[in-house]
Every structure is written in structure tokens, then in C-alpha cells.
Amino acid sequence: MSAWFTSLEGTEAGHQLALALALLAAFLHAVFGALQKGRHDPWLSRGAIDLSYGLMAAPFALFVVPWPEPHMWLIFVGVFLIHVGYKLLQAFTYTKGDYTVVYPVVRGTGPLFAVIGAYFLFGETFTGIQWLGVGVLLSGIFGLAAYNLIFLQSNRDTLPAALALALFTGLFVALYTTYDAYGIRATADPFTFLAWFFMIDGIFMPPIAAVMYLRMKDRPALGPLAVRGFFGGLTAFASFGSIMLATRLDKVGEAAVLRETSTIFAALIGVVFLKETVGPRRIALMALIALGAVIVEMGG
């Protein structure tokens, strides 16, 4: 499978597959965010999810895929540190604001930084129409942020902090997107990177979650938390794996922007499953973010 996948790099078939993978990652990342933000404390949810996908990835990393080349170990150190920063910021963000408030800002801010990073790291450039799409996307993001600041009634005291944290989390989204793209391109077998990434990435959060769990007075039942972790782990494999593979097949900037159509899925999940209120104006602004992503793809 690795040979077939790498043979698609730089081809039209590879471009189409990268498009499909980026859109799949968009939907699944919205699901992943909802799993972390849902009924359990975000720290506990993230710990359970990371433990699940770390354990699931370990047999593949150790016994199935080829072992990483020597130069990959330093890259994995960078991957680990960047994702630690991202996870801490994301957890703090989710504790400060509603899912439908912070998620669009996190996921929408990331592409701008990712496009800039892809220019400096990979020499990627955007056409004028694509930059127009980025502008449309950003207008939706900052319009949504402004609307929330003016009209949102819940969590008013923590809203400014939530939006600031969401902005910095978006910066780390771009950082891990571009750096992971560099990492998956630095090894001969992309599935080696994925297996070792998930095994290494699953180390940090479970001990923190365990300590927080033991300190709680009203501890949630471990059974439902473990189930959430299991399904979150499977979703993480499909979501993060899809976007990483997309960045190996095609432009990092385009994949990063297309993934942010996840804001529409996030709005639907927030309303249907998390019972959050999303009015027509906020839906329109989220749609504007998705429209910007579509313009970027069509403009290429």
C-alpha cells in the first residue's frame, strides 16, 4: 500500500485523493472536537483519547511498519513538543468557551498561518483567487468572533480569554500542520510516520488526566469515559491520518484550508448533539468560512 500511495505523489489522481482526504479530515475533526468537548471534562476526554490511540498504534509502530530512519528521531521530538503545546492550549480553550464559539476561531485561524508557513518551508504559493478565498474565510472568522463578543450571553466573563486562547491554538494548528507535513515527507514510508506519531503523541496527556481524575471529588464513571476514548482514538486515526496523508500528496496550504470546512460540521454537531444555540447569523458566518475554503480549492 505504501508503494501505491507514494506513486500518486505529484499526479492528478494524487491531487483528487488529497482533496477527498482533506474533506474527510474536516468532518472527522469536528467529530473529534465534539468528543473532547462533550459530557466529560476536556482534560479527561483528551487523556482517554490519547491513551486509546497510543495503545492502538503501538503494535503497528513496533511490529508492522518499517522503523524510522535515524534522522526521524529528532523530527519526532519536535512533533511531540508542538503537539503538547497544541493540546494544552486546546484544553484550556474548551474550558473557557462554548464549542461553537471557540472551534471556528481555532480551525479558521490555522489556515492563514499554515499558508504562510508552507510558503517559507515548502515554497508553496497561492494565486490571486486563492488569496481572495483566504480573505473570505478570514472575514467569516473575525466576523464570528466579533458577533460572539457583542451578542453572546453565555460565558461572558470568560469569552475574551476563550477567543484569545482560540487564536493561539490556531497558531499551533498551523505549526503542527506544516511541521507534520515536513515530517511525513522526510521518511520513505508515510505509514511509518503515522504509526510512530500516534504512539509517541499518546504519551503526554494520559498521566495528566489520571492526576486530575484522582483529585476530583465527583469522579465520572470510567466505563463511559473509556468508550469515549476508544471512539475518539479511532476518529483521531482517521482525521489526523487523513490530513497528514493529504499534505504528503499535495500542497500543504490547500489541504489546511480545505480542512476548515469542518466549521460547518462543528455547527451541526454543536446544535444537534451538544444542544448549543446557533442562530442564523452565526451559521451564515460559518458558511462564509467554508465558502472561502471552496474558493481556495477552485482558484488553484
Protein backbone atom coordinates (compact mmCIF):
# COMPACT_ATOMS: atom_id res chain seq x y z
CA MET A 1 0.00 0.00 0.00
CA SER A 2 2.86 2.36 0.76
CA ALA A 3 4.29 1.93 -2.73
CA TRP A 4 0.91 2.61 -4.32
CA PHE A 5 0.35 5.68 -2.18
CA THR A 6 3.77 7.23 -2.86
CA SER A 7 3.32 6.58 -6.61
CA LEU A 8 0.42 9.08 -6.55
CA GLU A 9 2.55 11.99 -5.35
CA GLY A 10 2.56 14.85 -7.84
CA THR A 11 -0.18 13.33 -10.02
CA GLU A 12 -3.74 14.44 -10.77
CA ALA A 13 -5.03 11.30 -9.07
CA GLY A 14 -2.97 12.24 -6.05
CA HIS A 15 -4.47 15.73 -6.06
CA GLN A 16 -8.02 14.33 -6.13
CA LEU A 17 -7.23 11.88 -3.35
CA ALA A 18 -5.71 14.68 -1.28
CA LEU A 19 -8.92 16.70 -1.76
CA ALA A 20 -11.05 13.78 -0.56
CA LEU A 21 -8.75 13.16 2.41
CA ALA A 22 -8.83 16.83 3.45
CA LEU A 23 -12.65 16.91 3.36
CA LEU A 24 -12.83 13.64 5.30
CA ALA A 25 -10.46 15.14 7.86
CA ALA A 26 -12.75 18.19 8.10
CA PHE A 27 -15.78 16.13 9.07
CA LEU A 28 -13.89 13.83 11.40
CA HIS A 29 -12.06 16.66 13.14
CA ALA A 30 -15.38 18.28 14.00
CA VAL A 31 -16.47 14.96 15.47
CA PHE A 32 -13.16 14.70 17.34
CA GLY A 33 -13.56 18.17 18.82
CA ALA A 34 -17.08 17.38 19.97
CA LEU A 35 -15.88 14.18 21.64
CA GLN A 36 -13.35 16.18 23.63
CA LYS A 37 -15.77 19.00 24.46
CA GLY A 38 -18.76 16.76 25.24
CA ARG A 39 -20.13 15.46 28.56
CA HIS A 40 -16.76 14.84 30.24
CA ASP A 41 -14.10 17.31 31.35
CA PRO A 42 -11.96 18.17 28.27
CA TRP A 43 -8.78 17.10 30.07
CA LEU A 44 -10.20 13.69 30.92
CA SER A 45 -11.59 13.21 27.44
CA ARG A 46 -8.28 14.08 25.82
CA GLY A 47 -6.39 11.78 28.17
CA ALA A 48 -8.70 8.86 27.39
CA ILE A 49 -8.49 9.50 23.65
CA ASP A 50 -4.70 9.79 23.62
CA LEU A 51 -4.29 6.65 25.70
CA SER A 52 -6.54 4.76 23.30
CA TYR A 53 -4.81 5.74 20.08
CA GLY A 54 -1.35 5.40 21.63
CA LEU A 55 -2.07 1.81 22.63
CA MET A 56 -3.70 1.03 19.28
CA ALA A 57 -0.76 2.46 17.33
CA ALA A 58 1.99 0.73 19.34
CA PRO A 59 1.74 -2.74 17.72
CA PHE A 60 1.81 -1.22 14.24
CA ALA A 61 4.77 1.03 15.07
CA LEU A 62 6.80 -1.72 16.71
CA PHE A 63 5.97 -4.75 14.59
CA VAL A 64 4.26 -3.83 11.30
CA VAL A 65 5.68 -0.74 9.58
CA PRO A 66 9.40 -0.20 8.91
CA TRP A 67 11.23 1.50 11.76
CA PRO A 68 12.01 5.22 11.33
CA GLU A 69 15.30 6.26 9.75
CA PRO A 70 17.88 7.75 12.16
CA HIS A 71 17.18 11.33 11.12
CA MET A 72 13.49 10.92 12.04
CA TRP A 73 14.07 10.74 15.80
CA LEU A 74 14.87 14.45 16.09
CA ILE A 75 11.83 15.22 13.95
CA PHE A 76 9.65 13.19 16.31
CA VAL A 77 10.98 15.23 19.25
CA GLY A 78 9.76 18.38 17.51
CA VAL A 79 6.42 16.76 16.71
CA PHE A 80 5.94 15.76 20.34
CA LEU A 81 6.71 19.23 21.72
CA ILE A 82 4.49 21.05 19.22
CA HIS A 83 1.53 18.76 19.87
CA VAL A 84 1.98 19.14 23.65
CA GLY A 85 1.62 22.90 23.24
CA TYR A 86 -1.40 22.46 21.00
CA LYS A 87 -3.18 20.08 23.38
CA LEU A 88 -2.64 22.28 26.42
CA LEU A 89 -3.96 25.34 24.60
CA GLN A 90 -6.91 23.40 23.18
CA ALA A 91 -7.94 22.04 26.57
CA PHE A 92 -7.73 25.48 28.19
CA THR A 93 -9.75 26.93 25.30
CA TYR A 94 -12.54 24.38 25.65
CA THR A 95 -12.79 25.05 29.39
CA LYS A 96 -13.31 28.78 28.74
CA GLY A 97 -15.82 28.90 25.87
CA ASP A 98 -18.66 27.06 24.14
CA TYR A 99 -17.69 24.62 21.41
CA THR A 100 -19.48 26.53 18.64
CA VAL A 101 -17.74 29.75 19.77
CA VAL A 102 -14.11 28.69 20.02
CA TYR A 103 -13.98 25.91 17.42
CA PRO A 104 -14.47 28.14 14.33
CA VAL A 105 -11.79 30.55 15.54
CA VAL A 106 -9.31 27.74 16.24
CA ARG A 107 -9.89 25.95 12.97
CA GLY A 108 -10.27 29.11 10.91
CA THR A 109 -7.19 30.95 12.12
CA GLY A 110 -4.95 27.95 11.49
CA PRO A 111 -5.08 28.03 7.65
CA LEU A 112 -3.73 31.60 7.38
CA PHE A 113 -0.68 30.71 9.43
CA ALA A 114 -0.38 27.37 7.61
CA VAL A 115 -0.37 29.05 4.20
CA ILE A 116 2.39 31.41 5.34
CA GLY A 117 4.36 28.55 6.87
CA ALA A 118 4.00 26.44 3.72
CA TYR A 119 5.42 29.32 1.69
CA PHE A 120 8.57 29.55 3.79
CA LEU A 121 9.01 25.81 4.39
CA PHE A 122 7.92 24.30 1.07
CA GLY A 123 7.95 27.26 -1.33
CA GLU A 124 4.20 26.96 -1.98
CA THR A 125 2.40 29.95 -3.47
CA PHE A 126 -1.29 30.90 -3.88
CA THR A 127 -2.97 32.52 -6.86
CA GLY A 128 -4.85 35.80 -6.54
CA ILE A 129 -8.18 33.97 -6.45
CA GLN A 130 -6.92 31.69 -3.71
CA TRP A 131 -5.86 34.66 -1.62
CA LEU A 132 -9.37 36.05 -2.18
CA GLY A 133 -10.67 32.80 -0.73
CA VAL A 134 -8.40 33.18 2.27
CA GLY A 135 -9.78 36.70 2.73
CA VAL A 136 -13.37 35.44 2.60
CA LEU A 137 -12.51 32.74 5.11
CA LEU A 138 -10.91 35.24 7.48
CA SER A 139 -13.83 37.65 7.19
CA GLY A 140 -16.09 34.85 8.39
CA ILE A 141 -13.75 34.05 11.26
CA PHE A 142 -13.35 37.56 12.59
CA GLY A 143 -16.99 38.38 11.89
CA LEU A 144 -17.94 35.39 14.01
CA ALA A 145 -15.56 36.45 16.76
CA ALA A 146 -16.98 39.99 16.73
CA TYR A 147 -20.55 38.69 16.79
CA ASN A 148 -19.79 36.47 19.77
CA LEU A 149 -18.17 39.34 21.65
CA ILE A 150 -21.20 41.58 21.09
CA PHE A 151 -24.21 39.26 21.34
CA LEU A 152 -23.31 36.01 23.08
CA GLN A 153 -24.82 35.76 26.58
CA SER A 154 -23.32 32.53 27.97
CA ASN A 155 -19.81 32.51 29.46
CA ARG A 156 -19.50 36.29 29.04
CA ASP A 157 -16.89 36.57 31.77
CA THR A 158 -14.53 34.08 30.11
CA LEU A 159 -15.29 34.90 26.44
CA PRO A 160 -12.36 37.28 25.78
CA ALA A 161 -9.94 34.76 27.29
CA ALA A 162 -11.56 31.95 25.27
CA LEU A 163 -11.16 33.85 22.00
CA ALA A 164 -7.54 34.77 22.77
CA LEU A 165 -6.75 31.15 23.60
CA ALA A 166 -8.53 30.05 20.43
CA LEU A 167 -6.33 32.38 18.38
CA PHE A 168 -3.13 30.97 19.88
CA THR A 169 -4.46 27.44 19.45
CA GLY A 170 -5.00 28.22 15.77
CA LEU A 171 -1.35 29.24 15.56
CA PHE A 172 -0.35 25.85 16.92
CA VAL A 173 -2.73 24.15 14.46
CA ALA A 174 -0.76 25.77 11.65
CA LEU A 175 2.53 24.90 13.31
CA TYR A 176 1.73 21.22 13.67
CA THR A 177 0.17 21.08 10.19
CA THR A 178 3.29 22.38 8.47
CA TYR A 179 5.76 20.57 10.71
CA ASP A 180 3.92 17.25 10.46
CA ALA A 181 3.84 17.70 6.68
CA TYR A 182 7.61 18.14 6.79
CA GLY A 183 7.92 15.02 8.95
CA ILE A 184 5.75 12.76 6.80
CA ARG A 185 7.70 13.83 3.71
CA ALA A 186 11.04 13.15 5.43
CA THR A 187 10.52 9.38 5.66
CA ALA A 188 10.30 6.85 2.85
CA ASP A 189 7.15 5.20 4.20
CA PRO A 190 4.37 7.64 5.25
CA PHE A 191 2.71 4.96 7.38
CA THR A 192 5.88 4.68 9.46
CA PHE A 193 5.45 8.33 10.38
CA LEU A 194 1.76 7.88 11.19
CA ALA A 195 2.22 4.82 13.41
CA TRP A 196 5.09 6.32 15.39
CA PHE A 197 3.40 9.70 15.56
CA PHE A 198 0.29 8.28 17.24
CA MET A 199 2.29 6.09 19.61
CA ILE A 200 4.54 8.97 20.71
CA ASP A 201 1.71 11.51 20.76
CA GLY A 202 -0.31 9.33 23.13
CA ILE A 203 2.25 9.59 25.94
CA PHE A 204 1.71 13.08 27.34
CA MET A 205 -1.97 13.58 28.22
CA PRO A 206 -2.96 10.31 29.99
CA PRO A 207 -0.82 10.94 33.14
CA ILE A 208 -2.21 14.48 33.43
CA ALA A 209 -5.76 13.21 33.03
CA ALA A 210 -5.12 10.49 35.62
CA VAL A 211 -3.89 13.01 38.20
CA MET A 212 -6.88 15.29 37.58
CA TYR A 213 -9.25 12.34 37.84
CA LEU A 214 -7.83 11.27 41.20
CA ARG A 215 -8.17 14.81 42.55
CA MET A 216 -11.86 15.08 41.61
CA LYS A 217 -14.47 14.85 44.34
CA ASP A 218 -17.17 13.62 41.97
CA ARG A 219 -15.33 11.27 39.63
CA PRO A 220 -17.14 10.22 36.46
CA ALA A 221 -17.59 6.52 35.74
CA LEU A 222 -14.60 5.08 33.91
CA GLY A 223 -16.69 2.94 31.57
CA PRO A 224 -18.30 5.74 29.52
CA LEU A 225 -15.01 7.65 29.57
CA ALA A 226 -13.18 4.62 28.17
CA VAL A 227 -15.81 4.24 25.43
CA ARG A 228 -15.38 7.91 24.51
CA GLY A 229 -11.62 7.40 24.44
CA PHE A 230 -11.90 4.36 22.18
CA PHE A 231 -14.12 6.03 19.60
CA GLY A 232 -12.10 9.24 19.89
CA GLY A 233 -8.95 7.25 19.19
CA LEU A 234 -10.44 5.72 16.05
CA THR A 235 -11.63 9.17 14.94
CA ALA A 236 -8.16 10.61 15.55
CA PHE A 237 -6.57 7.93 13.39
CA ALA A 238 -8.90 8.71 10.52
CA SER A 239 -8.91 12.50 10.95
CA PHE A 240 -5.25 13.31 11.63
CA GLY A 241 -4.11 10.47 9.41
CA SER A 242 -6.17 11.78 6.51
CA ILE A 243 -4.82 15.32 6.70
CA MET A 244 -1.23 14.15 7.09
CA LEU A 245 -1.52 11.91 4.04
CA ALA A 246 -3.16 14.77 2.13
CA THR A 247 -0.20 17.05 2.89
CA ARG A 248 2.19 14.43 1.52
CA LEU A 249 0.22 14.06 -1.71
CA ASP A 250 -0.46 17.72 -2.44
CA LYS A 251 0.02 21.31 -1.26
CA VAL A 252 0.06 21.78 2.49
CA GLY A 253 -1.67 25.16 2.33
CA GLU A 254 -4.60 23.92 0.25
CA ALA A 255 -5.13 20.88 2.45
CA ALA A 256 -5.04 23.05 5.58
CA VAL A 257 -7.63 25.46 4.18
CA LEU A 258 -9.98 22.74 2.92
CA ARG A 259 -9.94 21.05 6.31
CA GLU A 260 -11.52 24.16 7.81
CA THR A 261 -14.84 23.38 6.17
CA SER A 262 -15.11 21.47 9.45
CA THR A 263 -16.71 24.60 10.90
CA ILE A 264 -19.99 23.68 9.20
CA PHE A 265 -19.89 20.18 10.63
CA ALA A 266 -18.99 21.66 14.02
CA ALA A 267 -22.06 23.91 13.95
CA LEU A 268 -24.34 20.98 13.19
CA ILE A 269 -22.76 18.83 15.90
CA GLY A 270 -22.98 21.65 18.44
CA VAL A 271 -26.69 22.15 17.78
CA VAL A 272 -27.80 18.53 17.43
CA PHE A 273 -25.64 16.74 19.98
CA LEU A 274 -24.29 19.35 22.40
CA LYS A 275 -27.57 21.31 22.50
CA GLU A 276 -25.84 24.64 21.91
CA THR A 277 -27.74 27.52 20.32
CA VAL A 278 -26.53 28.69 16.91
CA GLY A 279 -28.55 31.47 15.30
CA PRO A 280 -28.86 32.17 11.56
CA ARG A 281 -26.23 34.93 11.62
CA ARG A 282 -23.62 32.68 13.19
CA ILE A 283 -24.47 29.92 10.72
CA ALA A 284 -24.05 32.42 7.86
CA LEU A 285 -20.63 33.44 9.17
CA MET A 286 -19.57 29.80 9.49
CA ALA A 287 -20.76 29.23 5.92
CA LEU A 288 -18.58 32.15 4.86
CA ILE A 289 -15.57 30.36 6.31
CA ALA A 290 -16.45 27.25 4.31
CA LEU A 291 -17.01 29.34 1.16
CA GLY A 292 -13.53 30.78 1.49
CA ALA A 293 -12.11 27.27 1.61
CA VAL A 294 -14.02 26.32 -1.55
CA ILE A 295 -12.70 29.42 -3.38
CA VAL A 296 -9.17 28.43 -2.42
CA GLU A 297 -9.63 24.99 -3.95
CA MET A 298 -11.34 26.25 -7.11
CA GLY A 299 -8.83 29.06 -7.52
CA GLY A 300 -5.97 26.60 -7.73
